[in-house]
Amino acid sequence: MSWLSQGWHWVVGNPPVLGGAISGASTLVAAWLVTARLNRGMKRADFMLGFTKRFHDLVQNIHERNQKFRRAHAAENQMTPSDEEIADAHELYRQFFGLMFDEY
């Protein structure tokens, strides 16, 4: 008789060992699945909250720069942006498209 059949006969002869092994394995699999699902959900929520915060900060920054631009150029009645304002606008667009890429 091989060692495998001897082991099988021993397990069949001792049902509590088989039951413990099955319940232990089931518990480990269930815990692994629940943990994986919770971690995925928490990461998704963290990403969404971070994305929302970055988006609102960007929109607020754009609004502040628009107000500053209007105040600075209202008296001149000439709405031609300076090189610094153009560079700022390019940076804001870069941040905005970075957010769009992250969302995608």
PDB file of N, CA and C in Angstrom:
ATOM      1  N   MET A   1       0.835  -1.167   0.000  1.00  0.00           N
ATOM      2  CA  MET A   1       0.000   0.000   0.000  1.00  0.00           C
ATOM      3  C   MET A   1       0.894   1.249   0.000  1.00  0.00           C
ATOM      4  N   SER A   2       0.535   2.223  -0.803  1.00  0.00           N
ATOM      5  CA  SER A   2       1.358   3.423  -0.920  1.00  0.00           C
ATOM      6  C   SER A   2       1.076   4.380   0.238  1.00  0.00           C
ATOM      7  N   TRP A   3       1.961   5.334   0.373  1.00  0.00           N
ATOM      8  CA  TRP A   3       1.806   6.317   1.448  1.00  0.00           C
ATOM      9  C   TRP A   3       0.577   7.188   1.230  1.00  0.00           C
ATOM     10  N   LEU A   4       0.186   7.382  -0.042  1.00  0.00           N
ATOM     11  CA  LEU A   4      -0.989   8.194  -0.349  1.00  0.00           C
ATOM     12  C   LEU A   4      -2.268   7.499   0.101  1.00  0.00           C
ATOM     13  N   SER A   5      -2.377   6.223  -0.180  1.00  0.00           N
ATOM     14  CA  SER A   5      -3.585   5.516   0.250  1.00  0.00           C
ATOM     15  C   SER A   5      -3.613   5.360   1.757  1.00  0.00           C
ATOM     16  N   GLN A   6      -2.457   5.211   2.385  1.00  0.00           N
ATOM     17  CA  GLN A   6      -2.428   5.137   3.854  1.00  0.00           C
ATOM     18  C   GLN A   6      -2.898   6.463   4.454  1.00  0.00           C
ATOM     19  N   GLY A   7      -2.428   7.568   3.861  1.00  0.00           N
ATOM     20  CA  GLY A   7      -2.865   8.883   4.341  1.00  0.00           C
ATOM     21  C   GLY A   7      -4.349   9.082   4.148  1.00  0.00           C
ATOM     22  N   TRP A   8      -4.865   8.645   3.014  1.00  0.00           N
ATOM     23  CA  TRP A   8      -6.299   8.778   2.751  1.00  0.00           C
ATOM     24  C   TRP A   8      -7.110   7.972   3.751  1.00  0.00           C
ATOM     25  N   HIS A   9      -6.702   6.766   4.037  1.00  0.00           N
ATOM     26  CA  HIS A   9      -7.420   5.940   5.016  1.00  0.00           C
ATOM     27  C   HIS A   9      -7.360   6.565   6.406  1.00  0.00           C
ATOM     28  N   TRP A  10      -6.236   7.189   6.722  1.00  0.00           N
ATOM     29  CA  TRP A  10      -6.139   7.833   8.033  1.00  0.00           C
ATOM     30  C   TRP A  10      -7.087   9.028   8.108  1.00  0.00           C
ATOM     31  N   VAL A  11      -7.161   9.846   7.029  1.00  0.00           N
ATOM     32  CA  VAL A  11      -8.042  11.018   7.018  1.00  0.00           C
ATOM     33  C   VAL A  11      -9.501  10.570   7.085  1.00  0.00           C
ATOM     34  N   VAL A  12      -9.871   9.547   6.316  1.00  0.00           N
ATOM     35  CA  VAL A  12     -11.247   9.050   6.330  1.00  0.00           C
ATOM     36  C   VAL A  12     -11.577   8.474   7.702  1.00  0.00           C
ATOM     37  N   GLY A  13     -10.593   7.885   8.353  1.00  0.00           N
ATOM     38  CA  GLY A  13     -10.820   7.328   9.685  1.00  0.00           C
ATOM     39  C   GLY A  13     -10.892   8.387  10.767  1.00  0.00           C
ATOM     40  N   ASN A  14     -10.474   9.582  10.499  1.00  0.00           N
ATOM     41  CA  ASN A  14     -10.491  10.693  11.464  1.00  0.00           C
ATOM     42  C   ASN A  14     -11.258  11.877  10.873  1.00  0.00           C
ATOM     43  N   PRO A  15     -12.582  11.841  10.880  1.00  0.00           N
ATOM     44  CA  PRO A  15     -13.371  12.916  10.252  1.00  0.00           C
ATOM     45  C   PRO A  15     -13.133  14.312  10.821  1.00  0.00           C
ATOM     46  N   PRO A  16     -12.821  14.469  12.128  1.00  0.00           N
ATOM     47  CA  PRO A  16     -12.581  15.837  12.609  1.00  0.00           C
ATOM     48  C   PRO A  16     -11.396  16.512  11.910  1.00  0.00           C
ATOM     49  N   VAL A  17     -10.396  15.739  11.523  1.00  0.00           N
ATOM     50  CA  VAL A  17      -9.242  16.317  10.837  1.00  0.00           C
ATOM     51  C   VAL A  17      -9.662  16.824   9.462  1.00  0.00           C
ATOM     52  N   LEU A  18     -10.440  16.035   8.748  1.00  0.00           N
ATOM     53  CA  LEU A  18     -10.923  16.439   7.428  1.00  0.00           C
ATOM     54  C   LEU A  18     -11.826  17.666   7.530  1.00  0.00           C
ATOM     55  N   GLY A  19     -12.721  17.665   8.515  1.00  0.00           N
ATOM     56  CA  GLY A  19     -13.614  18.819   8.709  1.00  0.00           C
ATOM     57  C   GLY A  19     -12.849  20.074   9.062  1.00  0.00           C
ATOM     58  N   GLY A  20     -11.837  19.947   9.910  1.00  0.00           N
ATOM     59  CA  GLY A  20     -11.014  21.104  10.280  1.00  0.00           C
ATOM     60  C   GLY A  20     -10.244  21.654   9.098  1.00  0.00           C
ATOM     61  N   ALA A  21      -9.711  20.747   8.279  1.00  0.00           N
ATOM     62  CA  ALA A  21      -8.965  21.190   7.105  1.00  0.00           C
ATOM     63  C   ALA A  21      -9.879  21.914   6.116  1.00  0.00           C
ATOM     64  N   ILE A  22     -11.073  21.369   5.893  1.00  0.00           N
ATOM     65  CA  ILE A  22     -12.014  22.001   4.962  1.00  0.00           C
ATOM     66  C   ILE A  22     -12.466  23.358   5.486  1.00  0.00           C
ATOM     67  N   SER A  23     -12.826  23.431   6.776  1.00  0.00           N
ATOM     68  CA  SER A  23     -13.295  24.712   7.320  1.00  0.00           C
ATOM     69  C   SER A  23     -12.162  25.737   7.369  1.00  0.00           C
ATOM     70  N   GLY A  24     -10.948  25.292   7.688  1.00  0.00           N
ATOM     71  CA  GLY A  24      -9.812  26.220   7.702  1.00  0.00           C
ATOM     72  C   GLY A  24      -9.523  26.781   6.323  1.00  0.00           C
ATOM     73  N   ALA A  25      -9.539  25.910   5.318  1.00  0.00           N
ATOM     74  CA  ALA A  25      -9.296  26.366   3.950  1.00  0.00           C
ATOM     75  C   ALA A  25     -10.406  27.302   3.482  1.00  0.00           C
ATOM     76  N   SER A  26     -11.645  26.984   3.824  1.00  0.00           N
ATOM     77  CA  SER A  26     -12.774  27.845   3.437  1.00  0.00           C
ATOM     78  C   SER A  26     -12.656  29.220   4.085  1.00  0.00           C
ATOM     79  N   THR A  27     -12.261  29.247   5.348  1.00  0.00           N
ATOM     80  CA  THR A  27     -12.100  30.516   6.056  1.00  0.00           C
ATOM     81  C   THR A  27     -10.991  31.356   5.425  1.00  0.00           C
ATOM     82  N   LEU A  28      -9.880  30.719   5.090  1.00  0.00           N
ATOM     83  CA  LEU A  28      -8.774  31.454   4.461  1.00  0.00           C
ATOM     84  C   LEU A  28      -9.178  32.032   3.113  1.00  0.00           C
ATOM     85  N   VAL A  29      -9.875  31.254   2.307  1.00  0.00           N
ATOM     86  CA  VAL A  29     -10.305  31.734   0.989  1.00  0.00           C
ATOM     87  C   VAL A  29     -11.291  32.889   1.144  1.00  0.00           C
ATOM     88  N   ALA A  30     -12.261  32.749   2.066  1.00  0.00           N
ATOM     89  CA  ALA A  30     -13.244  33.814   2.276  1.00  0.00           C
ATOM     90  C   ALA A  30     -12.569  35.092   2.774  1.00  0.00           C
ATOM     91  N   ALA A  31     -11.635  34.960   3.709  1.00  0.00           N
ATOM     92  CA  ALA A  31     -10.933  36.137   4.237  1.00  0.00           C
ATOM     93  C   ALA A  31     -10.119  36.813   3.134  1.00  0.00           C
ATOM     94  N   TRP A  32      -9.470  36.022   2.285  1.00  0.00           N
ATOM     95  CA  TRP A  32      -8.684  36.590   1.196  1.00  0.00           C
ATOM     96  C   TRP A  32      -9.569  37.352   0.218  1.00  0.00           C
ATOM     97  N   LEU A  33     -10.721  36.773  -0.143  1.00  0.00           N
ATOM     98  CA  LEU A  33     -11.627  37.440  -1.086  1.00  0.00           C
ATOM     99  C   LEU A  33     -12.201  38.728  -0.505  1.00  0.00           C
ATOM    100  N   VAL A  34     -12.609  38.699   0.752  1.00  0.00           N
ATOM    101  CA  VAL A  34     -13.181  39.891   1.388  1.00  0.00           C
ATOM    102  C   VAL A  34     -12.122  40.988   1.498  1.00  0.00           C
ATOM    103  N   THR A  35     -10.917  40.617   1.897  1.00  0.00           N
ATOM    104  CA  THR A  35      -9.844  41.610   2.025  1.00  0.00           C
ATOM    105  C   THR A  35      -9.508  42.232   0.674  1.00  0.00           C
ATOM    106  N   ALA A  36      -9.432  41.412  -0.352  1.00  0.00           N
ATOM    107  CA  ALA A  36      -9.121  41.952  -1.685  1.00  0.00           C
ATOM    108  C   ALA A  36     -10.206  42.918  -2.146  1.00  0.00           C
ATOM    109  N   ARG A  37     -11.446  42.558  -1.912  1.00  0.00           N
ATOM    110  CA  ARG A  37     -12.547  43.434  -2.339  1.00  0.00           C
ATOM    111  C   ARG A  37     -12.560  44.748  -1.557  1.00  0.00           C
ATOM    112  N   LEU A  38     -12.342  44.672  -0.244  1.00  0.00           N
ATOM    113  CA  LEU A  38     -12.321  45.891   0.571  1.00  0.00           C
ATOM    114  C   LEU A  38     -11.154  46.797   0.174  1.00  0.00           C
ATOM    115  N   ASN A  39      -9.983  46.219  -0.038  1.00  0.00           N
ATOM    116  CA  ASN A  39      -8.828  47.031  -0.438  1.00  0.00           C
ATOM    117  C   ASN A  39      -9.073  47.721  -1.769  1.00  0.00           C
ATOM    118  N   ARG A  40      -9.657  47.011  -2.723  1.00  0.00           N
ATOM    119  CA  ARG A  40      -9.943  47.605  -4.019  1.00  0.00           C
ATOM    120  C   ARG A  40     -10.936  48.761  -3.861  1.00  0.00           C
ATOM    121  N   GLY A  41     -11.958  48.557  -3.042  1.00  0.00           N
ATOM    122  CA  GLY A  41     -12.947  49.621  -2.814  1.00  0.00           C
ATOM    123  C   GLY A  41     -12.346  50.831  -2.127  1.00  0.00           C
ATOM    124  N   MET A  42     -11.479  50.598  -1.139  1.00  0.00           N
ATOM    125  CA  MET A  42     -10.855  51.719  -0.438  1.00  0.00           C
ATOM    126  C   MET A  42      -9.908  52.483  -1.352  1.00  0.00           C
ATOM    127  N   LYS A  43      -9.160  51.777  -2.193  1.00  0.00           N
ATOM    128  CA  LYS A  43      -8.263  52.454  -3.129  1.00  0.00           C
ATOM    129  C   LYS A  43      -9.052  53.278  -4.136  1.00  0.00           C
ATOM    130  N   ARG A  44     -10.174  52.736  -4.576  1.00  0.00           N
ATOM    131  CA  ARG A  44     -11.014  53.471  -5.528  1.00  0.00           C
ATOM    132  C   ARG A  44     -11.551  54.746  -4.876  1.00  0.00           C
ATOM    133  N   ALA A  45     -12.010  54.640  -3.634  1.00  0.00           N
ATOM    134  CA  ALA A  45     -12.540  55.814  -2.932  1.00  0.00           C
ATOM    135  C   ALA A  45     -11.442  56.844  -2.684  1.00  0.00           C
ATOM    136  N   ASP A  46     -10.250  56.388  -2.279  1.00  0.00           N
ATOM    137  CA  ASP A  46      -9.139  57.319  -2.056  1.00  0.00           C
ATOM    138  C   ASP A  46      -8.751  58.043  -3.340  1.00  0.00           C
ATOM    139  N   PHE A  47      -8.697  57.303  -4.447  1.00  0.00           N
ATOM    140  CA  PHE A  47      -8.359  57.938  -5.718  1.00  0.00           C
ATOM    141  C   PHE A  47      -9.406  58.983  -6.096  1.00  0.00           C
ATOM    142  N   MET A  48     -10.677  58.631  -5.908  1.00  0.00           N
ATOM    143  CA  MET A  48     -11.749  59.553  -6.291  1.00  0.00           C
ATOM    144  C   MET A  48     -11.720  60.818  -5.430  1.00  0.00           C
ATOM    145  N   LEU A  49     -11.488  60.666  -4.138  1.00  0.00           N
ATOM    146  CA  LEU A  49     -11.403  61.839  -3.267  1.00  0.00           C
ATOM    147  C   LEU A  49     -10.202  62.706  -3.628  1.00  0.00           C
ATOM    148  N   GLY A  50      -9.049  62.086  -3.892  1.00  0.00           N
ATOM    149  CA  GLY A  50      -7.859  62.845  -4.293  1.00  0.00           C
ATOM    150  C   GLY A  50      -8.067  63.558  -5.616  1.00  0.00           C
ATOM    151  N   PHE A  51      -8.705  62.863  -6.564  1.00  0.00           N
ATOM    152  CA  PHE A  51      -8.974  63.459  -7.873  1.00  0.00           C
ATOM    153  C   PHE A  51      -9.900  64.659  -7.713  1.00  0.00           C
ATOM    154  N   THR A  52     -10.955  64.507  -6.924  1.00  0.00           N
ATOM    155  CA  THR A  52     -11.912  65.599  -6.717  1.00  0.00           C
ATOM    156  C   THR A  52     -11.238  66.805  -6.076  1.00  0.00           C
ATOM    157  N   LYS A  53     -10.380  66.559  -5.095  1.00  0.00           N
ATOM    158  CA  LYS A  53      -9.679  67.659  -4.440  1.00  0.00           C
ATOM    159  C   LYS A  53      -8.767  68.383  -5.434  1.00  0.00           C
ATOM    160  N   ARG A  54      -8.017  67.623  -6.225  1.00  0.00           N
ATOM    161  CA  ARG A  54      -7.137  68.243  -7.214  1.00  0.00           C
ATOM    162  C   ARG A  54      -7.934  69.035  -8.237  1.00  0.00           C
ATOM    163  N   PHE A  55      -9.080  68.504  -8.655  1.00  0.00           N
ATOM    164  CA  PHE A  55      -9.913  69.208  -9.635  1.00  0.00           C
ATOM    165  C   PHE A  55     -10.438  70.519  -9.063  1.00  0.00           C
ATOM    166  N   HIS A  56     -10.948  70.490  -7.836  1.00  0.00           N
ATOM    167  CA  HIS A  56     -11.492  71.710  -7.233  1.00  0.00           C
ATOM    168  C   HIS A  56     -10.383  72.737  -6.985  1.00  0.00           C
ATOM    169  N   ASP A  57      -9.199  72.290  -6.594  1.00  0.00           N
ATOM    170  CA  ASP A  57      -8.080  73.216  -6.421  1.00  0.00           C
ATOM    171  C   ASP A  57      -7.711  73.874  -7.756  1.00  0.00           C
ATOM    172  N   LEU A  58      -7.722  73.083  -8.823  1.00  0.00           N
ATOM    173  CA  LEU A  58      -7.405  73.623 -10.144  1.00  0.00           C
ATOM    174  C   LEU A  58      -8.452  74.636 -10.599  1.00  0.00           C
ATOM    175  N   VAL A  59      -9.724  74.319 -10.407  1.00  0.00           N
ATOM    176  CA  VAL A  59     -10.797  75.244 -10.807  1.00  0.00           C
ATOM    177  C   VAL A  59     -10.719  76.531  -9.995  1.00  0.00           C
ATOM    178  N   GLN A  60     -10.417  76.416  -8.707  1.00  0.00           N
ATOM    179  CA  GLN A  60     -10.281  77.605  -7.870  1.00  0.00           C
ATOM    180  C   GLN A  60      -9.094  78.454  -8.341  1.00  0.00           C
ATOM    181  N   ASN A  61      -7.993  77.803  -8.676  1.00  0.00           N
ATOM    182  CA  ASN A  61      -6.818  78.517  -9.170  1.00  0.00           C
ATOM    183  C   ASN A  61      -7.127  79.246 -10.479  1.00  0.00           C
ATOM    184  N   ILE A  62      -7.850  78.574 -11.371  1.00  0.00           N
ATOM    185  CA  ILE A  62      -8.239  79.203 -12.645  1.00  0.00           C
ATOM    186  C   ILE A  62      -9.123  80.426 -12.381  1.00  0.00           C
ATOM    187  N   HIS A  63     -10.066  80.290 -11.479  1.00  0.00           N
ATOM    188  CA  HIS A  63     -10.970  81.403 -11.161  1.00  0.00           C
ATOM    189  C   HIS A  63     -10.186  82.590 -10.589  1.00  0.00           C
ATOM    190  N   GLU A  64      -9.276  82.306  -9.672  1.00  0.00           N
ATOM    191  CA  GLU A  64      -8.485  83.393  -9.079  1.00  0.00           C
ATOM    192  C   GLU A  64      -7.634  84.101 -10.131  1.00  0.00           C
ATOM    193  N   ARG A  65      -7.033  83.344 -11.039  1.00  0.00           N
ATOM    194  CA  ARG A  65      -6.205  83.957 -12.077  1.00  0.00           C
ATOM    195  C   ARG A  65      -7.057  84.766 -13.063  1.00  0.00           C
ATOM    196  N   ASN A  66      -8.272  84.279 -13.354  1.00  0.00           N
ATOM    197  CA  ASN A  66      -9.164  85.047 -14.231  1.00  0.00           C
ATOM    198  C   ASN A  66      -9.555  86.372 -13.587  1.00  0.00           C
ATOM    199  N   GLN A  67      -9.861  86.342 -12.293  1.00  0.00           N
ATOM    200  CA  GLN A  67     -10.216  87.575 -11.585  1.00  0.00           C
ATOM    201  C   GLN A  67      -9.026  88.546 -11.567  1.00  0.00           C
ATOM    202  N   LYS A  68      -7.847  88.017 -11.306  1.00  0.00           N
ATOM    203  CA  LYS A  68      -6.643  88.851 -11.283  1.00  0.00           C
ATOM    204  C   LYS A  68      -6.397  89.468 -12.664  1.00  0.00           C
ATOM    205  N   PHE A  69      -6.575  88.683 -13.718  1.00  0.00           N
ATOM    206  CA  PHE A  69      -6.380  89.167 -15.082  1.00  0.00           C
ATOM    207  C   PHE A  69      -7.371  90.281 -15.401  1.00  0.00           C
ATOM    208  N   ARG A  70      -8.644  90.076 -15.030  1.00  0.00           N
ATOM    209  CA  ARG A  70      -9.672  91.094 -15.311  1.00  0.00           C
ATOM    210  C   ARG A  70      -9.387  92.385 -14.564  1.00  0.00           C
ATOM    211  N   ARG A  71      -8.987  92.276 -13.277  1.00  0.00           N
ATOM    212  CA  ARG A  71      -8.683  93.482 -12.506  1.00  0.00           C
ATOM    213  C   ARG A  71      -7.470  94.214 -13.087  1.00  0.00           C
ATOM    214  N   ALA A  72      -6.464  93.453 -13.501  1.00  0.00           N
ATOM    215  CA  ALA A  72      -5.240  94.083 -14.003  1.00  0.00           C
ATOM    216  C   ALA A  72      -5.461  94.770 -15.344  1.00  0.00           C
ATOM    217  N   HIS A  73      -6.364  94.224 -16.171  1.00  0.00           N
ATOM    218  CA  HIS A  73      -6.528  94.756 -17.523  1.00  0.00           C
ATOM    219  C   HIS A  73      -7.820  95.548 -17.709  1.00  0.00           C
ATOM    220  N   ALA A  74      -8.605  95.706 -16.664  1.00  0.00           N
ATOM    221  CA  ALA A  74      -9.867  96.443 -16.796  1.00  0.00           C
ATOM    222  C   ALA A  74      -9.606  97.926 -17.052  1.00  0.00           C
ATOM    223  N   ALA A  75      -8.622  98.477 -16.376  1.00  0.00           N
ATOM    224  CA  ALA A  75      -8.343  99.906 -16.541  1.00  0.00           C
ATOM    225  C   ALA A  75      -7.762 100.199 -17.922  1.00  0.00           C
ATOM    226  N   GLU A  76      -6.983  99.273 -18.450  1.00  0.00           N
ATOM    227  CA  GLU A  76      -6.350  99.499 -19.759  1.00  0.00           C
ATOM    228  C   GLU A  76      -7.333  99.297 -20.896  1.00  0.00           C
ATOM    229  N   ASN A  77      -8.373  98.530 -20.633  1.00  0.00           N
ATOM    230  CA  ASN A  77      -9.368  98.188 -21.645  1.00  0.00           C
ATOM    231  C   ASN A  77      -8.711  97.445 -22.810  1.00  0.00           C
ATOM    232  N   GLN A  78      -7.619  96.771 -22.509  1.00  0.00           N
ATOM    233  CA  GLN A  78      -6.912  95.976 -23.505  1.00  0.00           C
ATOM    234  C   GLN A  78      -6.654  94.617 -22.874  1.00  0.00           C
ATOM    235  N   MET A  79      -7.211  93.581 -23.461  1.00  0.00           N
ATOM    236  CA  MET A  79      -7.149  92.254 -22.861  1.00  0.00           C
ATOM    237  C   MET A  79      -6.042  91.396 -23.481  1.00  0.00           C
ATOM    238  N   THR A  80      -4.868  91.937 -23.659  1.00  0.00           N
ATOM    239  CA  THR A  80      -3.747  91.185 -24.203  1.00  0.00           C
ATOM    240  C   THR A  80      -2.923  90.639 -23.034  1.00  0.00           C
ATOM    241  N   PRO A  81      -2.805  89.338 -22.948  1.00  0.00           N
ATOM    242  CA  PRO A  81      -2.063  88.770 -21.805  1.00  0.00           C
ATOM    243  C   PRO A  81      -0.560  88.923 -21.958  1.00  0.00           C
ATOM    244  N   SER A  82       0.097  89.024 -20.818  1.00  0.00           N
ATOM    245  CA  SER A  82       1.561  89.113 -20.820  1.00  0.00           C
ATOM    246  C   SER A  82       2.143  87.706 -20.998  1.00  0.00           C
ATOM    247  N   ASP A  83       3.449  87.654 -21.189  1.00  0.00           N
ATOM    248  CA  ASP A  83       4.116  86.356 -21.354  1.00  0.00           C
ATOM    249  C   ASP A  83       3.986  85.500 -20.097  1.00  0.00           C
ATOM    250  N   GLU A  84       4.041  86.139 -18.934  1.00  0.00           N
ATOM    251  CA  GLU A  84       3.886  85.408 -17.669  1.00  0.00           C
ATOM    252  C   GLU A  84       2.480  84.823 -17.544  1.00  0.00           C
ATOM    253  N   GLU A  85       1.483  85.593 -17.938  1.00  0.00           N
ATOM    254  CA  GLU A  85       0.102  85.094 -17.890  1.00  0.00           C
ATOM    255  C   GLU A  85      -0.117  83.954 -18.881  1.00  0.00           C
ATOM    256  N   ILE A  86       0.520  84.027 -20.012  1.00  0.00           N
ATOM    257  CA  ILE A  86       0.423  82.934 -20.990  1.00  0.00           C
ATOM    258  C   ILE A  86       1.080  81.677 -20.437  1.00  0.00           C
ATOM    259  N   ALA A  87       2.240  81.837 -19.799  1.00  0.00           N
ATOM    260  CA  ALA A  87       2.929  80.688 -19.200  1.00  0.00           C
ATOM    261  C   ALA A  87       2.069  80.061 -18.091  1.00  0.00           C
ATOM    262  N   ASP A  88       1.409  80.920 -17.286  1.00  0.00           N
ATOM    263  CA  ASP A  88       0.509  80.409 -16.245  1.00  0.00           C
ATOM    264  C   ASP A  88      -0.661  79.647 -16.860  1.00  0.00           C
ATOM    265  N   ALA A  89      -1.203  80.164 -17.949  1.00  0.00           N
ATOM    266  CA  ALA A  89      -2.318  79.494 -18.613  1.00  0.00           C
ATOM    267  C   ALA A  89      -1.878  78.137 -19.165  1.00  0.00           C
ATOM    268  N   HIS A  90      -0.678  78.067 -19.713  1.00  0.00           N
ATOM    269  CA  HIS A  90      -0.164  76.789 -20.214  1.00  0.00           C
ATOM    270  C   HIS A  90      -0.019  75.779 -19.074  1.00  0.00           C
ATOM    271  N   GLU A  91       0.452  76.240 -17.929  1.00  0.00           N
ATOM    272  CA  GLU A  91       0.597  75.349 -16.773  1.00  0.00           C
ATOM    273  C   GLU A  91      -0.768  74.852 -16.293  1.00  0.00           C
ATOM    274  N   LEU A  92      -1.753  75.726 -16.262  1.00  0.00           N
ATOM    275  CA  LEU A  92      -3.094  75.309 -15.831  1.00  0.00           C
ATOM    276  C   LEU A  92      -3.689  74.286 -16.806  1.00  0.00           C
ATOM    277  N   TYR A  93      -3.477  74.505 -18.091  1.00  0.00           N
ATOM    278  CA  TYR A  93      -3.966  73.526 -19.071  1.00  0.00           C
ATOM    279  C   TYR A  93      -3.227  72.200 -18.935  1.00  0.00           C
ATOM    280  N   ARG A  94      -1.937  72.247 -18.638  1.00  0.00           N
ATOM    281  CA  ARG A  94      -1.176  71.015 -18.432  1.00  0.00           C
ATOM    282  C   ARG A  94      -1.735  70.242 -17.243  1.00  0.00           C
ATOM    283  N   GLN A  95      -2.031  70.950 -16.153  1.00  0.00           N
ATOM    284  CA  GLN A  95      -2.614  70.299 -14.975  1.00  0.00           C
ATOM    285  C   GLN A  95      -3.994  69.739 -15.297  1.00  0.00           C
ATOM    286  N   PHE A  96      -4.781  70.488 -16.048  1.00  0.00           N
ATOM    287  CA  PHE A  96      -6.133  70.041 -16.396  1.00  0.00           C
ATOM    288  C   PHE A  96      -6.084  68.778 -17.254  1.00  0.00           C
ATOM    289  N   PHE A  97      -5.220  68.749 -18.260  1.00  0.00           N
ATOM    290  CA  PHE A  97      -5.136  67.561 -19.108  1.00  0.00           C
ATOM    291  C   PHE A  97      -4.506  66.387 -18.353  1.00  0.00           C
ATOM    292  N   GLY A  98      -3.643  66.673 -17.374  1.00  0.00           N
ATOM    293  CA  GLY A  98      -3.150  65.611 -16.497  1.00  0.00           C
ATOM    294  C   GLY A  98      -4.283  64.986 -15.709  1.00  0.00           C
ATOM    295  N   LEU A  99      -5.210  65.812 -15.239  1.00  0.00           N
ATOM    296  CA  LEU A  99      -6.390  65.291 -14.525  1.00  0.00           C
ATOM    297  C   LEU A  99      -7.260  64.463 -15.462  1.00  0.00           C
ATOM    298  N   MET A 100      -7.439  64.944 -16.686  1.00  0.00           N
ATOM    299  CA  MET A 100      -8.244  64.187 -17.639  1.00  0.00           C
ATOM    300  C   MET A 100      -7.621  62.829 -17.929  1.00  0.00           C
ATOM    301  N   PHE A 101      -6.287  62.797 -18.032  1.00  0.00           N
ATOM    302  CA  PHE A 101      -5.592  61.540 -18.275  1.00  0.00           C
ATOM    303  C   PHE A 101      -5.764  60.602 -17.088  1.00  0.00           C
ATOM    304  N   ASP A 102      -5.651  61.126 -15.860  1.00  0.00           N
ATOM    305  CA  ASP A 102      -5.860  60.305 -14.663  1.00  0.00           C
ATOM    306  C   ASP A 102      -7.270  59.759 -14.605  1.00  0.00           C
ATOM    307  N   GLU A 103      -8.242  60.571 -15.006  1.00  0.00           N
ATOM    308  CA  GLU A 103      -9.629  60.114 -14.975  1.00  0.00           C
ATOM    309  C   GLU A 103      -9.844  58.995 -15.980  1.00  0.00           C
ATOM    310  N   TYR A 104      -9.224  59.115 -17.147  1.00  0.00           N
ATOM    311  CA  TYR A 104      -9.373  58.091 -18.171  1.00  0.00           C
ATOM    312  C   TYR A 104      -8.763  56.794 -17.695  1.00  0.00           C
TER     313      TYR A 104
END
